[in-house]
Amino acid sequence: MLYLNVEHLRRCMQTLDSSLTFYRKAEPDSIDQEVFRNAIIKSYELTQETAFKLLKKALKAYGHGGKKLESIPIKTFCAWLLIMT
């Protein structure tokens, strides 16, 4: 049985959620809102990359090769998953 440590992914998702909350609470067009917007973008990118790496690790464990995985537009799939959760 494959064990994936998803704690880092959970932490990334919590950070993204917190950034969104702070952004919504910030004064419109303020520097704080801009800072939180940037945090949202970076948190999203890190969350997407972490999810991609975990998915890639899981697929490799089931016999899918690295080169084959790199050719799949999996990052688009991960982005869709994050939007749906």
C-alpha atoms as a PDB file:
ATOM      1  CA  MET A   1       0.000   0.000   0.000  1.00  0.00           C
ATOM      2  CA  LEU A   2       1.279   3.433  -0.929  1.00  0.00           C
ATOM      3  CA  TYR A   3       1.576   6.040   1.814  1.00  0.00           C
ATOM      4  CA  LEU A   4       1.658   9.684   0.806  1.00  0.00           C
ATOM      5  CA  ASN A   5       2.409  12.338   3.389  1.00  0.00           C
ATOM      6  CA  VAL A   6      -0.059  15.093   2.565  1.00  0.00           C
ATOM      7  CA  GLU A   7       0.682  17.334   5.558  1.00  0.00           C
ATOM      8  CA  HIS A   8       2.578  19.849   3.427  1.00  0.00           C
ATOM      9  CA  LEU A   9      -0.325  19.949   0.953  1.00  0.00           C
ATOM     10  CA  ARG A  10      -2.782  20.539   3.798  1.00  0.00           C
ATOM     11  CA  ARG A  11      -0.614  23.351   5.136  1.00  0.00           C
ATOM     12  CA  CYS A  12      -0.434  24.923   1.674  1.00  0.00           C
ATOM     13  CA  MET A  13      -4.212  24.773   1.364  1.00  0.00           C
ATOM     14  CA  GLN A  14      -4.662  26.334   4.815  1.00  0.00           C
ATOM     15  CA  THR A  15      -2.288  29.140   3.873  1.00  0.00           C
ATOM     16  CA  LEU A  16      -4.211  29.754   0.662  1.00  0.00           C
ATOM     17  CA  ASP A  17      -7.499  29.808   2.561  1.00  0.00           C
ATOM     18  CA  SER A  18      -6.113  32.259   5.142  1.00  0.00           C
ATOM     19  CA  SER A  19      -4.760  34.517   2.411  1.00  0.00           C
ATOM     20  CA  LEU A  20      -8.190  34.611   0.786  1.00  0.00           C
ATOM     21  CA  THR A  21      -9.829  35.449   4.118  1.00  0.00           C
ATOM     22  CA  PHE A  22      -7.402  38.298   4.840  1.00  0.00           C
ATOM     23  CA  TYR A  23      -7.787  39.624   1.292  1.00  0.00           C
ATOM     24  CA  ARG A  24     -11.563  39.807   1.671  1.00  0.00           C
ATOM     25  CA  LYS A  25     -11.225  41.632   5.006  1.00  0.00           C
ATOM     26  CA  ALA A  26      -8.691  44.178   3.750  1.00  0.00           C
ATOM     27  CA  GLU A  27      -9.707  47.689   2.756  1.00  0.00           C
ATOM     28  CA  PRO A  28     -10.419  47.795  -1.011  1.00  0.00           C
ATOM     29  CA  ASP A  29      -7.488  49.110  -3.090  1.00  0.00           C
ATOM     30  CA  SER A  30      -5.209  49.212  -0.032  1.00  0.00           C
ATOM     31  CA  ILE A  31      -1.619  48.039   0.141  1.00  0.00           C
ATOM     32  CA  ASP A  32      -2.763  45.284   2.519  1.00  0.00           C
ATOM     33  CA  GLN A  33      -5.134  43.965  -0.108  1.00  0.00           C
ATOM     34  CA  GLU A  34      -2.302  43.989  -2.658  1.00  0.00           C
ATOM     35  CA  VAL A  35      -0.029  42.073  -0.268  1.00  0.00           C
ATOM     36  CA  PHE A  36      -2.726  39.460   0.332  1.00  0.00           C
ATOM     37  CA  ARG A  37      -3.417  39.210  -3.409  1.00  0.00           C
ATOM     38  CA  ASN A  38       0.246  38.389  -3.960  1.00  0.00           C
ATOM     39  CA  ALA A  39       0.096  35.846  -1.131  1.00  0.00           C
ATOM     40  CA  ILE A  40      -2.922  34.215  -2.793  1.00  0.00           C
ATOM     41  CA  ILE A  41      -1.055  33.865  -6.076  1.00  0.00           C
ATOM     42  CA  LYS A  42       2.057  32.377  -4.464  1.00  0.00           C
ATOM     43  CA  SER A  43       0.025  30.089  -2.199  1.00  0.00           C
ATOM     44  CA  TYR A  44      -1.947  28.835  -5.184  1.00  0.00           C
ATOM     45  CA  GLU A  45       1.241  28.124  -7.148  1.00  0.00           C
ATOM     46  CA  LEU A  46       2.812  26.247  -4.223  1.00  0.00           C
ATOM     47  CA  THR A  47      -0.370  24.263  -3.596  1.00  0.00           C
ATOM     48  CA  GLN A  48      -0.616  23.315  -7.262  1.00  0.00           C
ATOM     49  CA  GLU A  49       3.034  22.248  -7.433  1.00  0.00           C
ATOM     50  CA  THR A  50       2.758  20.206  -4.222  1.00  0.00           C
ATOM     51  CA  ALA A  51      -0.382  18.442  -5.457  1.00  0.00           C
ATOM     52  CA  PHE A  52       1.327  17.709  -8.787  1.00  0.00           C
ATOM     53  CA  LYS A  53       4.347  16.160  -7.055  1.00  0.00           C
ATOM     54  CA  LEU A  54       2.165  13.956  -4.839  1.00  0.00           C
ATOM     55  CA  LEU A  55       0.070  12.808  -7.782  1.00  0.00           C
ATOM     56  CA  LYS A  56       3.202  12.090  -9.797  1.00  0.00           C
ATOM     57  CA  LYS A  57       4.641  10.055  -6.899  1.00  0.00           C
ATOM     58  CA  ALA A  58       1.426   8.048  -6.614  1.00  0.00           C
ATOM     59  CA  LEU A  59       1.265   7.359 -10.346  1.00  0.00           C
ATOM     60  CA  LYS A  60       4.920   6.274 -10.434  1.00  0.00           C
ATOM     61  CA  ALA A  61       4.194   3.803  -7.634  1.00  0.00           C
ATOM     62  CA  TYR A  62       1.596   2.209  -9.902  1.00  0.00           C
ATOM     63  CA  GLY A  63       4.024   1.776 -12.792  1.00  0.00           C
ATOM     64  CA  HIS A  64       3.702   4.957 -14.802  1.00  0.00           C
ATOM     65  CA  GLY A  65       7.057   6.242 -16.047  1.00  0.00           C
ATOM     66  CA  GLY A  66       8.469   9.677 -15.304  1.00  0.00           C
ATOM     67  CA  LYS A  67       8.816  10.776 -18.941  1.00  0.00           C
ATOM     68  CA  LYS A  68       5.273   9.717 -19.696  1.00  0.00           C
ATOM     69  CA  LEU A  69       3.989  11.655 -16.684  1.00  0.00           C
ATOM     70  CA  GLU A  70       5.883  14.788 -17.693  1.00  0.00           C
ATOM     71  CA  SER A  71       4.098  14.788 -21.065  1.00  0.00           C
ATOM     72  CA  ILE A  72       0.625  14.728 -19.477  1.00  0.00           C
ATOM     73  CA  PRO A  73      -0.968  18.155 -18.880  1.00  0.00           C
ATOM     74  CA  ILE A  74      -1.448  17.168 -15.246  1.00  0.00           C
ATOM     75  CA  LYS A  75      -0.919  20.671 -13.895  1.00  0.00           C
ATOM     76  CA  THR A  76      -4.135  21.732 -15.605  1.00  0.00           C
ATOM     77  CA  PHE A  77      -5.874  18.800 -13.944  1.00  0.00           C
ATOM     78  CA  CYS A  78      -4.476  19.770 -10.532  1.00  0.00           C
ATOM     79  CA  ALA A  79      -5.664  23.352 -11.030  1.00  0.00           C
ATOM     80  CA  TRP A  80      -9.150  22.061 -11.757  1.00  0.00           C
ATOM     81  CA  LEU A  81      -9.078  19.898  -8.613  1.00  0.00           C
ATOM     82  CA  LEU A  82      -8.089  22.857  -6.441  1.00  0.00           C
ATOM     83  CA  ILE A  83     -10.883  24.994  -7.853  1.00  0.00           C
ATOM     84  CA  MET A  84     -13.439  22.259  -7.192  1.00  0.00           C
ATOM     85  CA  THR A  85     -12.433  21.795  -3.514  1.00  0.00           C
END
